[in-house]
Amino acid sequence: MLTEVISHYAIQVLDAGGYAGAALLMAFESMILPVPSEAVMPFVGFLVADGKWGLAQAIFATSLGSLIGSLLSYFMGYYGGRPFVLKVGRFLLLDVHDLEMTERFFHRSGGVLTLFICRFIPVVRHLVSIPAGIGRMRFWQFVLATTVGATLWNSFLLACGFKLRENWEVVQTYRHHFDGLIIGMLVVSIAWYVWYKLKRRRAKLG
């Protein structure tokens, strides 16, 4: 079934790459590459639940990856500025509208607490390191807020995967419902994306 296929290949990729593979995926997730942590960390939890990975090592590797990816984005903004980010972002599927939204949110609130909170907000958490760099946020503040926020978020998703694995027999019993739910979510996501792009295009034309 669909859930079995997704879990099989996700675990296979993480198993082949080990901790370094998980760190790399989370580094991508913390940059402007479209790699959602929700598609990585639960399966890290699977590996921990199966006893293949250590809990402390998994959290350390993924948090380190998140920090490295965030630092790359931070330095991109710090040294390159907005023009450089937009130029490079074209090749990394950067959505300019999302970046502008994140910049407004960050500059309106600012500070370590805002950066910490941003680590838990979809879309914003992928981009917030850039305006932090452009705004020349203090390095140690950036590292502290990013490390704590990313570790908590990664640990939460890992715990979700761990619990899911522990109750996998229940999941298998109701797998048809899960498949329907996933397919429904995909359809809704695609429909929303198309509507969002059309709305933005009409706004530009009108």
N, C-alpha and C. Protein backbone atom coordinates (compact mmCIF):
# COMPACT_ATOMS: atom_id res chain seq x y z
N MET A 1 0.84 -1.19 0.00
CA MET A 1 0.00 0.00 0.00
C MET A 1 0.89 1.25 0.00
N LEU A 2 0.25 2.42 -0.19
CA LEU A 2 0.97 3.66 -0.33
C LEU A 2 1.84 3.97 0.88
N THR A 3 1.29 3.79 2.08
CA THR A 3 2.07 4.09 3.28
C THR A 3 3.29 3.18 3.40
N GLU A 4 3.14 1.91 2.98
CA GLU A 4 4.24 0.97 3.05
C GLU A 4 5.34 1.37 2.06
N VAL A 5 4.96 1.82 0.86
CA VAL A 5 5.94 2.23 -0.14
C VAL A 5 6.73 3.44 0.33
N ILE A 6 6.00 4.44 0.87
CA ILE A 6 6.66 5.65 1.35
C ILE A 6 7.65 5.33 2.46
N SER A 7 7.20 4.54 3.45
CA SER A 7 8.08 4.22 4.58
C SER A 7 9.27 3.38 4.12
N HIS A 8 9.05 2.47 3.18
CA HIS A 8 10.12 1.59 2.71
C HIS A 8 11.25 2.39 2.08
N TYR A 9 10.92 3.28 1.14
CA TYR A 9 11.95 4.03 0.43
C TYR A 9 12.58 5.11 1.29
N ALA A 10 11.81 5.74 2.16
CA ALA A 10 12.37 6.76 3.04
C ALA A 10 13.40 6.14 3.98
N ILE A 11 13.05 5.01 4.58
CA ILE A 11 13.97 4.33 5.49
C ILE A 11 15.18 3.81 4.73
N GLN A 12 14.97 3.37 3.49
CA GLN A 12 16.07 2.85 2.68
C GLN A 12 17.11 3.93 2.42
N VAL A 13 16.66 5.14 2.09
CA VAL A 13 17.59 6.25 1.83
C VAL A 13 18.36 6.61 3.09
N LEU A 14 17.64 6.71 4.22
CA LEU A 14 18.30 7.07 5.47
C LEU A 14 19.25 5.95 5.92
N ASP A 15 18.84 4.71 5.71
CA ASP A 15 19.66 3.58 6.12
C ASP A 15 20.94 3.53 5.31
N ALA A 16 20.86 3.87 4.03
CA ALA A 16 22.04 3.84 3.16
C ALA A 16 23.00 4.97 3.50
N GLY A 17 22.46 6.14 3.82
CA GLY A 17 23.31 7.29 4.09
C GLY A 17 23.75 7.39 5.53
N GLY A 18 23.07 6.68 6.44
CA GLY A 18 23.42 6.75 7.85
C GLY A 18 23.16 8.12 8.44
N TYR A 19 23.86 8.39 9.52
CA TYR A 19 23.69 9.69 10.19
C TYR A 19 24.06 10.85 9.27
N ALA A 20 25.09 10.62 8.43
CA ALA A 20 25.52 11.67 7.51
C ALA A 20 24.43 11.98 6.50
N GLY A 21 23.72 10.94 6.04
CA GLY A 21 22.63 11.15 5.10
C GLY A 21 21.50 11.95 5.72
N ALA A 22 21.18 11.63 6.98
CA ALA A 22 20.13 12.36 7.69
C ALA A 22 20.55 13.82 7.89
N ALA A 23 21.82 14.04 8.24
CA ALA A 23 22.32 15.40 8.43
C ALA A 23 22.25 16.19 7.13
N LEU A 24 22.59 15.55 6.02
CA LEU A 24 22.54 16.22 4.72
C LEU A 24 21.12 16.62 4.36
N LEU A 25 20.17 15.71 4.57
CA LEU A 25 18.77 16.01 4.27
C LEU A 25 18.27 17.18 5.11
N MET A 26 18.65 17.21 6.38
CA MET A 26 18.19 18.28 7.25
C MET A 26 18.91 19.60 6.94
N ALA A 27 20.13 19.51 6.39
CA ALA A 27 20.80 20.73 5.94
C ALA A 27 20.05 21.32 4.76
N PHE A 28 19.62 20.46 3.84
CA PHE A 28 18.81 20.92 2.72
C PHE A 28 17.51 21.53 3.22
N GLU A 29 16.91 20.88 4.22
CA GLU A 29 15.63 21.35 4.76
C GLU A 29 15.75 22.74 5.36
N SER A 30 16.90 23.04 5.92
CA SER A 30 17.10 24.33 6.58
C SER A 30 17.52 25.43 5.62
N MET A 31 17.77 25.04 4.37
CA MET A 31 18.07 26.03 3.35
C MET A 31 16.79 26.30 2.55
N ILE A 32 16.94 26.69 1.31
CA ILE A 32 15.77 27.00 0.49
C ILE A 32 15.44 25.87 -0.48
N LEU A 33 16.01 24.70 -0.21
CA LEU A 33 15.68 23.53 -1.02
C LEU A 33 14.41 22.88 -0.49
N PRO A 34 13.55 22.38 -1.39
CA PRO A 34 12.25 21.82 -0.96
C PRO A 34 12.35 20.42 -0.37
N VAL A 35 12.98 20.30 0.80
CA VAL A 35 13.07 19.02 1.51
C VAL A 35 12.41 19.20 2.87
N PRO A 36 11.14 18.82 3.03
CA PRO A 36 10.45 19.05 4.30
C PRO A 36 10.94 18.12 5.40
N SER A 37 11.12 18.67 6.60
CA SER A 37 11.54 17.86 7.74
C SER A 37 10.48 16.83 8.09
N GLU A 38 9.22 17.14 7.78
CA GLU A 38 8.13 16.19 8.06
C GLU A 38 8.26 14.91 7.24
N ALA A 39 9.04 14.97 6.15
CA ALA A 39 9.24 13.79 5.31
C ALA A 39 10.52 13.05 5.66
N VAL A 40 11.28 13.58 6.62
CA VAL A 40 12.57 12.97 6.99
C VAL A 40 12.57 12.46 8.43
N MET A 41 12.28 13.36 9.37
CA MET A 41 12.45 13.04 10.78
C MET A 41 11.59 11.89 11.30
N PRO A 42 10.32 11.75 10.88
CA PRO A 42 9.56 10.61 11.39
C PRO A 42 10.20 9.27 11.07
N PHE A 43 10.85 9.19 9.91
CA PHE A 43 11.49 7.94 9.53
C PHE A 43 12.83 7.74 10.25
N VAL A 44 13.43 8.83 10.69
CA VAL A 44 14.58 8.72 11.59
C VAL A 44 14.09 8.09 12.90
N GLY A 45 12.89 8.50 13.33
CA GLY A 45 12.28 7.90 14.52
C GLY A 45 12.03 6.42 14.34
N PHE A 46 11.68 6.01 13.12
CA PHE A 46 11.51 4.59 12.83
C PHE A 46 12.81 3.83 13.10
N LEU A 47 13.92 4.38 12.60
CA LEU A 47 15.20 3.71 12.75
C LEU A 47 15.63 3.63 14.21
N VAL A 48 15.32 4.67 14.97
CA VAL A 48 15.62 4.67 16.40
C VAL A 48 14.77 3.62 17.11
N ALA A 49 13.49 3.57 16.76
CA ALA A 49 12.58 2.60 17.38
C ALA A 49 13.00 1.17 17.07
N ASP A 50 13.55 0.94 15.89
CA ASP A 50 14.01 -0.40 15.50
C ASP A 50 15.36 -0.75 16.11
N GLY A 51 15.98 0.19 16.81
CA GLY A 51 17.27 -0.06 17.43
C GLY A 51 18.45 0.03 16.48
N LYS A 52 18.22 0.52 15.24
CA LYS A 52 19.30 0.64 14.27
C LYS A 52 20.14 1.89 14.51
N TRP A 53 19.49 2.93 15.04
CA TRP A 53 20.18 4.18 15.32
C TRP A 53 20.04 4.51 16.80
N GLY A 54 21.04 5.20 17.33
CA GLY A 54 20.95 5.68 18.70
C GLY A 54 20.18 6.99 18.75
N LEU A 55 19.42 7.20 19.80
CA LEU A 55 18.60 8.40 19.92
C LEU A 55 19.46 9.66 19.97
N ALA A 56 20.47 9.66 20.83
CA ALA A 56 21.32 10.84 20.98
C ALA A 56 22.06 11.16 19.69
N GLN A 57 22.56 10.12 19.02
CA GLN A 57 23.30 10.32 17.77
C GLN A 57 22.38 10.87 16.67
N ALA A 58 21.15 10.35 16.64
CA ALA A 58 20.20 10.80 15.61
C ALA A 58 19.85 12.27 15.81
N ILE A 59 19.58 12.65 17.05
CA ILE A 59 19.24 14.06 17.34
C ILE A 59 20.44 14.96 17.05
N PHE A 60 21.63 14.51 17.45
CA PHE A 60 22.83 15.32 17.21
C PHE A 60 23.07 15.51 15.71
N ALA A 61 23.00 14.43 14.94
CA ALA A 61 23.29 14.51 13.50
C ALA A 61 22.29 15.40 12.78
N THR A 62 21.01 15.22 13.07
CA THR A 62 19.99 16.00 12.36
C THR A 62 20.01 17.47 12.79
N SER A 63 20.28 17.72 14.07
CA SER A 63 20.36 19.10 14.54
C SER A 63 21.60 19.79 13.96
N LEU A 64 22.70 19.05 13.86
CA LEU A 64 23.90 19.60 13.25
C LEU A 64 23.64 19.93 11.78
N GLY A 65 22.93 19.04 11.10
CA GLY A 65 22.59 19.30 9.71
C GLY A 65 21.72 20.54 9.56
N SER A 66 20.74 20.69 10.46
CA SER A 66 19.88 21.87 10.44
C SER A 66 20.69 23.14 10.65
N LEU A 67 21.64 23.09 11.58
CA LEU A 67 22.47 24.26 11.87
C LEU A 67 23.35 24.61 10.68
N ILE A 68 23.95 23.60 10.06
CA ILE A 68 24.83 23.84 8.91
C ILE A 68 24.05 24.47 7.76
N GLY A 69 22.88 23.92 7.46
CA GLY A 69 22.06 24.48 6.39
C GLY A 69 21.63 25.90 6.69
N SER A 70 21.27 26.15 7.93
CA SER A 70 20.85 27.50 8.34
C SER A 70 22.02 28.48 8.25
N LEU A 71 23.21 28.04 8.63
CA LEU A 71 24.39 28.90 8.56
C LEU A 71 24.73 29.26 7.12
N LEU A 72 24.57 28.30 6.21
CA LEU A 72 24.83 28.59 4.80
C LEU A 72 23.89 29.68 4.29
N SER A 73 22.62 29.58 4.68
CA SER A 73 21.65 30.61 4.29
C SER A 73 21.96 31.94 4.96
N TYR A 74 22.36 31.88 6.23
CA TYR A 74 22.70 33.09 6.99
C TYR A 74 23.87 33.83 6.33
N PHE A 75 24.92 33.09 5.99
CA PHE A 75 26.09 33.71 5.36
C PHE A 75 25.77 34.20 3.95
N MET A 76 24.86 33.50 3.28
CA MET A 76 24.43 33.93 1.96
C MET A 76 23.81 35.33 2.04
N GLY A 77 22.96 35.52 3.06
CA GLY A 77 22.34 36.82 3.26
C GLY A 77 23.31 37.84 3.81
N TYR A 78 24.18 37.41 4.72
CA TYR A 78 25.12 38.32 5.40
C TYR A 78 26.13 38.92 4.42
N TYR A 79 26.73 38.06 3.61
CA TYR A 79 27.79 38.52 2.72
C TYR A 79 27.29 38.86 1.31
N GLY A 80 26.24 38.19 0.87
CA GLY A 80 25.77 38.43 -0.49
C GLY A 80 24.66 39.45 -0.60
N GLY A 81 23.86 39.56 0.47
CA GLY A 81 22.75 40.50 0.43
C GLY A 81 21.59 39.96 -0.39
N ARG A 82 20.53 40.72 -0.45
CA ARG A 82 19.31 40.29 -1.13
C ARG A 82 19.51 40.01 -2.62
N PRO A 83 20.24 40.87 -3.36
CA PRO A 83 20.43 40.60 -4.80
C PRO A 83 21.08 39.24 -5.07
N PHE A 84 22.10 38.91 -4.26
CA PHE A 84 22.78 37.63 -4.44
C PHE A 84 21.85 36.46 -4.12
N VAL A 85 21.06 36.61 -3.04
CA VAL A 85 20.12 35.56 -2.64
C VAL A 85 19.11 35.30 -3.75
N LEU A 86 18.57 36.36 -4.33
CA LEU A 86 17.59 36.21 -5.39
C LEU A 86 18.22 35.60 -6.65
N LYS A 87 19.47 35.96 -6.92
CA LYS A 87 20.15 35.42 -8.09
C LYS A 87 20.40 33.92 -7.95
N VAL A 88 20.92 33.53 -6.80
CA VAL A 88 21.20 32.11 -6.55
C VAL A 88 19.91 31.33 -6.35
N GLY A 89 18.93 31.97 -5.70
CA GLY A 89 17.67 31.30 -5.38
C GLY A 89 16.90 30.82 -6.58
N ARG A 90 17.13 31.45 -7.74
CA ARG A 90 16.44 31.00 -8.95
C ARG A 90 16.74 29.55 -9.28
N PHE A 91 17.95 29.13 -8.94
CA PHE A 91 18.37 27.76 -9.26
C PHE A 91 17.98 26.78 -8.14
N LEU A 92 17.47 27.30 -7.04
CA LEU A 92 17.11 26.46 -5.90
C LEU A 92 15.60 26.50 -5.61
N LEU A 93 14.84 26.93 -6.61
CA LEU A 93 13.37 26.98 -6.51
C LEU A 93 12.90 27.93 -5.42
N LEU A 94 13.64 29.03 -5.23
CA LEU A 94 13.24 30.02 -4.23
C LEU A 94 12.02 30.78 -4.71
N ASP A 95 11.00 30.84 -3.87
CA ASP A 95 9.80 31.61 -4.15
C ASP A 95 10.00 33.01 -3.57
N VAL A 96 10.10 33.99 -4.45
CA VAL A 96 10.38 35.37 -4.02
C VAL A 96 9.29 35.89 -3.09
N HIS A 97 8.04 35.54 -3.38
CA HIS A 97 6.93 35.98 -2.54
C HIS A 97 7.08 35.45 -1.11
N ASP A 98 7.47 34.17 -0.99
CA ASP A 98 7.66 33.58 0.34
C ASP A 98 8.81 34.25 1.07
N LEU A 99 9.88 34.59 0.32
CA LEU A 99 11.01 35.28 0.94
C LEU A 99 10.59 36.65 1.45
N GLU A 100 9.83 37.38 0.65
CA GLU A 100 9.37 38.71 1.05
C GLU A 100 8.47 38.63 2.28
N MET A 101 7.61 37.61 2.31
CA MET A 101 6.74 37.41 3.47
C MET A 101 7.56 37.15 4.72
N THR A 102 8.59 36.31 4.59
CA THR A 102 9.45 35.98 5.72
C THR A 102 10.23 37.21 6.18
N GLU A 103 10.71 38.01 5.22
CA GLU A 103 11.46 39.22 5.57
C GLU A 103 10.58 40.19 6.36
N ARG A 104 9.33 40.37 5.90
CA ARG A 104 8.42 41.27 6.61
C ARG A 104 8.15 40.77 8.03
N PHE A 105 7.94 39.47 8.14
CA PHE A 105 7.66 38.88 9.45
C PHE A 105 8.84 39.04 10.39
N PHE A 106 10.04 38.78 9.87
CA PHE A 106 11.24 38.84 10.71
C PHE A 106 11.57 40.27 11.11
N HIS A 107 11.53 41.19 10.16
CA HIS A 107 11.90 42.57 10.46
C HIS A 107 10.86 43.27 11.33
N ARG A 108 9.61 42.83 11.23
CA ARG A 108 8.56 43.43 12.07
C ARG A 108 8.74 43.03 13.53
N SER A 109 9.17 41.79 13.75
CA SER A 109 9.31 41.28 15.12
C SER A 109 10.77 41.32 15.58
N GLY A 110 11.64 40.69 14.78
CA GLY A 110 13.07 40.71 15.06
C GLY A 110 13.44 39.98 16.34
N GLY A 111 14.75 39.84 16.59
CA GLY A 111 15.23 39.30 17.84
C GLY A 111 15.37 37.79 17.86
N VAL A 112 16.02 37.33 18.93
CA VAL A 112 16.30 35.91 19.11
C VAL A 112 15.01 35.11 19.26
N LEU A 113 14.06 35.64 20.02
CA LEU A 113 12.81 34.92 20.25
C LEU A 113 12.05 34.70 18.95
N THR A 114 12.04 35.70 18.09
CA THR A 114 11.36 35.57 16.80
C THR A 114 12.00 34.49 15.95
N LEU A 115 13.32 34.49 15.89
CA LEU A 115 14.03 33.48 15.12
C LEU A 115 13.73 32.08 15.66
N PHE A 116 13.68 31.96 16.99
CA PHE A 116 13.37 30.68 17.62
C PHE A 116 11.97 30.21 17.24
N ILE A 117 11.00 31.11 17.31
CA ILE A 117 9.61 30.77 16.97
C ILE A 117 9.49 30.38 15.50
N CYS A 118 10.27 31.06 14.65
CA CYS A 118 10.21 30.79 13.22
C CYS A 118 10.61 29.37 12.87
N ARG A 119 11.38 28.73 13.74
CA ARG A 119 11.81 27.36 13.47
C ARG A 119 10.64 26.37 13.48
N PHE A 120 9.47 26.82 13.96
CA PHE A 120 8.31 25.93 14.05
C PHE A 120 7.22 26.31 13.04
N ILE A 121 7.48 27.31 12.20
CA ILE A 121 6.46 27.79 11.26
C ILE A 121 6.77 27.29 9.86
N PRO A 122 5.84 26.57 9.22
CA PRO A 122 6.06 26.08 7.84
C PRO A 122 6.42 27.23 6.90
N VAL A 123 7.25 26.93 5.90
CA VAL A 123 7.73 27.88 4.89
C VAL A 123 8.71 28.87 5.51
N VAL A 124 8.27 29.57 6.57
CA VAL A 124 9.11 30.59 7.20
C VAL A 124 10.41 29.99 7.71
N ARG A 125 10.34 28.79 8.32
CA ARG A 125 11.55 28.22 8.91
C ARG A 125 12.60 27.88 7.86
N HIS A 126 12.19 27.66 6.61
CA HIS A 126 13.15 27.37 5.54
C HIS A 126 13.90 28.61 5.10
N LEU A 127 13.31 29.77 5.32
CA LEU A 127 13.84 31.00 4.74
C LEU A 127 14.37 32.02 5.74
N VAL A 128 13.98 31.88 7.01
CA VAL A 128 14.24 32.94 7.98
C VAL A 128 15.73 33.22 8.20
N SER A 129 16.59 32.25 7.92
CA SER A 129 18.03 32.47 8.10
C SER A 129 18.55 33.55 7.16
N ILE A 130 17.91 33.70 6.01
CA ILE A 130 18.37 34.68 5.02
C ILE A 130 18.17 36.11 5.52
N PRO A 131 16.94 36.50 5.92
CA PRO A 131 16.79 37.87 6.45
C PRO A 131 17.58 38.09 7.74
N ALA A 132 17.83 37.03 8.51
CA ALA A 132 18.66 37.18 9.70
C ALA A 132 20.08 37.56 9.30
N GLY A 133 20.56 36.98 8.20
CA GLY A 133 21.89 37.32 7.70
C GLY A 133 21.92 38.70 7.08
N ILE A 134 20.90 39.00 6.27
CA ILE A 134 20.84 40.33 5.64
C ILE A 134 20.78 41.42 6.70
N GLY A 135 20.03 41.16 7.78
CA GLY A 135 19.92 42.12 8.87
C GLY A 135 21.11 42.10 9.81
N ARG A 136 22.10 41.24 9.50
CA ARG A 136 23.34 41.13 10.29
C ARG A 136 23.05 40.87 11.77
N MET A 137 22.20 39.90 11.99
CA MET A 137 21.93 39.47 13.36
C MET A 137 23.21 38.92 13.97
N ARG A 138 23.40 39.14 15.25
CA ARG A 138 24.61 38.66 15.92
C ARG A 138 24.75 37.16 15.74
N PHE A 139 25.98 36.73 15.41
CA PHE A 139 26.24 35.33 15.07
C PHE A 139 25.86 34.39 16.20
N TRP A 140 26.29 34.71 17.42
CA TRP A 140 26.04 33.79 18.53
C TRP A 140 24.55 33.69 18.84
N GLN A 141 23.81 34.79 18.65
CA GLN A 141 22.37 34.76 18.86
C GLN A 141 21.70 33.88 17.82
N PHE A 142 22.17 34.01 16.58
CA PHE A 142 21.61 33.19 15.51
C PHE A 142 21.85 31.71 15.76
N VAL A 143 23.07 31.37 16.13
CA VAL A 143 23.43 29.96 16.38
C VAL A 143 22.61 29.40 17.54
N LEU A 144 22.47 30.18 18.60
CA LEU A 144 21.74 29.72 19.78
C LEU A 144 20.26 29.46 19.46
N ALA A 145 19.59 30.45 18.86
CA ALA A 145 18.17 30.31 18.55
C ALA A 145 17.92 29.20 17.54
N THR A 146 18.80 29.10 16.55
CA THR A 146 18.65 28.07 15.52
C THR A 146 18.86 26.68 16.08
N THR A 147 19.90 26.51 16.87
CA THR A 147 20.21 25.19 17.43
C THR A 147 19.11 24.69 18.35
N VAL A 148 18.66 25.55 19.26
CA VAL A 148 17.62 25.14 20.21
C VAL A 148 16.31 24.88 19.48
N GLY A 149 15.91 25.79 18.59
CA GLY A 149 14.65 25.63 17.87
C GLY A 149 14.64 24.40 16.98
N ALA A 150 15.71 24.22 16.20
CA ALA A 150 15.80 23.08 15.29
C ALA A 150 15.83 21.76 16.06
N THR A 151 16.55 21.73 17.18
CA THR A 151 16.64 20.50 17.97
C THR A 151 15.28 20.11 18.53
N LEU A 152 14.54 21.09 19.04
CA LEU A 152 13.21 20.80 19.58
C LEU A 152 12.27 20.30 18.48
N TRP A 153 12.29 20.98 17.34
CA TRP A 153 11.41 20.59 16.24
C TRP A 153 11.78 19.20 15.71
N ASN A 154 13.05 18.96 15.48
CA ASN A 154 13.49 17.66 14.99
C ASN A 154 13.16 16.55 15.98
N SER A 155 13.34 16.83 17.26
CA SER A 155 13.06 15.83 18.29
C SER A 155 11.57 15.51 18.35
N PHE A 156 10.75 16.53 18.18
CA PHE A 156 9.30 16.32 18.19
C PHE A 156 8.88 15.39 17.04
N LEU A 157 9.39 15.66 15.83
CA LEU A 157 9.04 14.82 14.68
C LEU A 157 9.62 13.42 14.83
N LEU A 158 10.82 13.33 15.39
CA LEU A 158 11.41 12.02 15.65
C LEU A 158 10.54 11.23 16.61
N ALA A 159 10.07 11.89 17.67
CA ALA A 159 9.21 11.22 18.66
C ALA A 159 7.91 10.74 18.02
N CYS A 160 7.37 11.55 17.10
CA CYS A 160 6.15 11.14 16.39
C CYS A 160 6.40 9.86 15.59
N GLY A 161 7.55 9.83 14.90
CA GLY A 161 7.89 8.63 14.14
C GLY A 161 8.13 7.43 15.03
N PHE A 162 8.76 7.67 16.18
CA PHE A 162 9.02 6.61 17.15
C PHE A 162 7.72 5.98 17.63
N LYS A 163 6.75 6.83 18.00
CA LYS A 163 5.46 6.34 18.48
C LYS A 163 4.69 5.64 17.37
N LEU A 164 4.80 6.17 16.17
CA LEU A 164 4.12 5.55 15.03
C LEU A 164 4.66 4.15 14.80
N ARG A 165 5.97 4.00 14.90
CA ARG A 165 6.59 2.69 14.69
C ARG A 165 6.17 1.71 15.79
N GLU A 166 6.08 2.20 17.03
CA GLU A 166 5.66 1.34 18.13
C GLU A 166 4.25 0.81 17.93
N ASN A 167 3.42 1.60 17.27
CA ASN A 167 2.03 1.22 17.05
C ASN A 167 1.78 0.86 15.59
N TRP A 168 2.81 0.33 14.93
CA TRP A 168 2.71 0.05 13.50
C TRP A 168 1.63 -0.98 13.17
N GLU A 169 1.38 -1.91 14.07
CA GLU A 169 0.34 -2.91 13.82
C GLU A 169 -1.03 -2.25 13.72
N VAL A 170 -1.25 -1.25 14.54
CA VAL A 170 -2.51 -0.50 14.48
C VAL A 170 -2.60 0.26 13.16
N VAL A 171 -1.46 0.85 12.75
CA VAL A 171 -1.42 1.58 11.48
C VAL A 171 -1.73 0.64 10.32
N GLN A 172 -1.16 -0.56 10.37
CA GLN A 172 -1.39 -1.53 9.30
C GLN A 172 -2.86 -1.95 9.24
N THR A 173 -3.48 -2.05 10.40
CA THR A 173 -4.89 -2.44 10.45
C THR A 173 -5.77 -1.42 9.73
N TYR A 174 -5.41 -0.16 9.88
CA TYR A 174 -6.21 0.92 9.27
C TYR A 174 -5.48 1.58 8.11
N ARG A 175 -4.59 0.83 7.45
CA ARG A 175 -3.75 1.42 6.40
C ARG A 175 -4.57 1.97 5.24
N HIS A 176 -5.73 1.35 4.96
CA HIS A 176 -6.54 1.85 3.85
C HIS A 176 -7.02 3.27 4.14
N HIS A 177 -7.34 3.54 5.38
CA HIS A 177 -7.77 4.89 5.76
C HIS A 177 -6.60 5.86 5.65
N PHE A 178 -5.40 5.39 6.02
CA PHE A 178 -4.22 6.24 5.91
C PHE A 178 -3.92 6.56 4.45
N ASP A 179 -4.03 5.55 3.59
CA ASP A 179 -3.79 5.79 2.16
C ASP A 179 -4.76 6.82 1.61
N GLY A 180 -6.03 6.69 1.98
CA GLY A 180 -7.03 7.64 1.51
C GLY A 180 -6.73 9.04 2.03
N LEU A 181 -6.29 9.12 3.28
CA LEU A 181 -5.97 10.42 3.87
C LEU A 181 -4.79 11.06 3.15
N ILE A 182 -3.74 10.28 2.88
CA ILE A 182 -2.56 10.80 2.21
C ILE A 182 -2.90 11.28 0.80
N ILE A 183 -3.67 10.45 0.07
CA ILE A 183 -4.07 10.83 -1.28
C ILE A 183 -4.90 12.12 -1.24
N GLY A 184 -5.81 12.19 -0.27
CA GLY A 184 -6.63 13.39 -0.13
C GLY A 184 -5.79 14.62 0.16
N MET A 185 -4.79 14.46 1.04
CA MET A 185 -3.90 15.58 1.37
C MET A 185 -3.10 16.02 0.15
N LEU A 186 -2.64 15.06 -0.66
CA LEU A 186 -1.91 15.40 -1.87
C LEU A 186 -2.77 16.18 -2.85
N VAL A 187 -4.02 15.72 -3.01
CA VAL A 187 -4.94 16.39 -3.93
C VAL A 187 -5.20 17.82 -3.46
N VAL A 188 -5.46 17.98 -2.16
CA VAL A 188 -5.71 19.31 -1.60
C VAL A 188 -4.48 20.20 -1.75
N SER A 189 -3.30 19.64 -1.51
CA SER A 189 -2.06 20.42 -1.62
C SER A 189 -1.84 20.90 -3.05
N ILE A 190 -2.06 20.01 -4.01
CA ILE A 190 -1.88 20.38 -5.42
C ILE A 190 -2.90 21.44 -5.82
N ALA A 191 -4.16 21.25 -5.40
CA ALA A 191 -5.21 22.21 -5.73
C ALA A 191 -4.89 23.58 -5.13
N TRP A 192 -4.43 23.59 -3.88
CA TRP A 192 -4.08 24.85 -3.24
C TRP A 192 -2.92 25.53 -3.95
N TYR A 193 -1.92 24.75 -4.36
CA TYR A 193 -0.75 25.31 -5.04
C TYR A 193 -1.15 25.94 -6.37
N VAL A 194 -1.99 25.25 -7.13
CA VAL A 194 -2.45 25.79 -8.41
C VAL A 194 -3.24 27.07 -8.19
N TRP A 195 -4.16 27.06 -7.21
CA TRP A 195 -4.96 28.25 -6.90
C TRP A 195 -4.07 29.41 -6.48
N TYR A 196 -3.07 29.12 -5.66
CA TYR A 196 -2.15 30.14 -5.15
C TYR A 196 -1.38 30.79 -6.29
N LYS A 197 -0.87 29.96 -7.22
CA LYS A 197 -0.10 30.49 -8.34
C LYS A 197 -0.98 31.30 -9.28
N LEU A 198 -2.21 30.82 -9.55
CA LEU A 198 -3.11 31.56 -10.42
C LEU A 198 -3.51 32.90 -9.80
N LYS A 199 -3.72 32.92 -8.50
CA LYS A 199 -4.09 34.15 -7.81
C LYS A 199 -2.96 35.18 -7.91
N ARG A 200 -1.74 34.72 -7.72
CA ARG A 200 -0.60 35.62 -7.81
C ARG A 200 -0.41 36.13 -9.23
N ARG A 201 -0.66 35.27 -10.23
CA ARG A 201 -0.52 35.70 -11.62
C ARG A 201 -1.56 36.74 -11.96
N ARG A 202 -2.80 36.55 -11.50
CA ARG A 202 -3.85 37.53 -11.75
C ARG A 202 -3.55 38.86 -11.07
N ALA A 203 -2.95 38.77 -9.88
CA ALA A 203 -2.59 40.00 -9.16
C ALA A 203 -1.53 40.79 -9.90
N LYS A 204 -0.57 40.08 -10.52
CA LYS A 204 0.48 40.75 -11.27
C LYS A 204 -0.08 41.39 -12.53
N LEU A 205 -1.02 40.70 -13.19
CA LEU A 205 -1.58 41.20 -14.44
C LEU A 205 -2.58 42.33 -14.19
N GLY A 206 -3.27 42.23 -13.04
CA GLY A 206 -4.32 43.22 -12.80
C GLY A 206 -3.95 44.34 -11.92
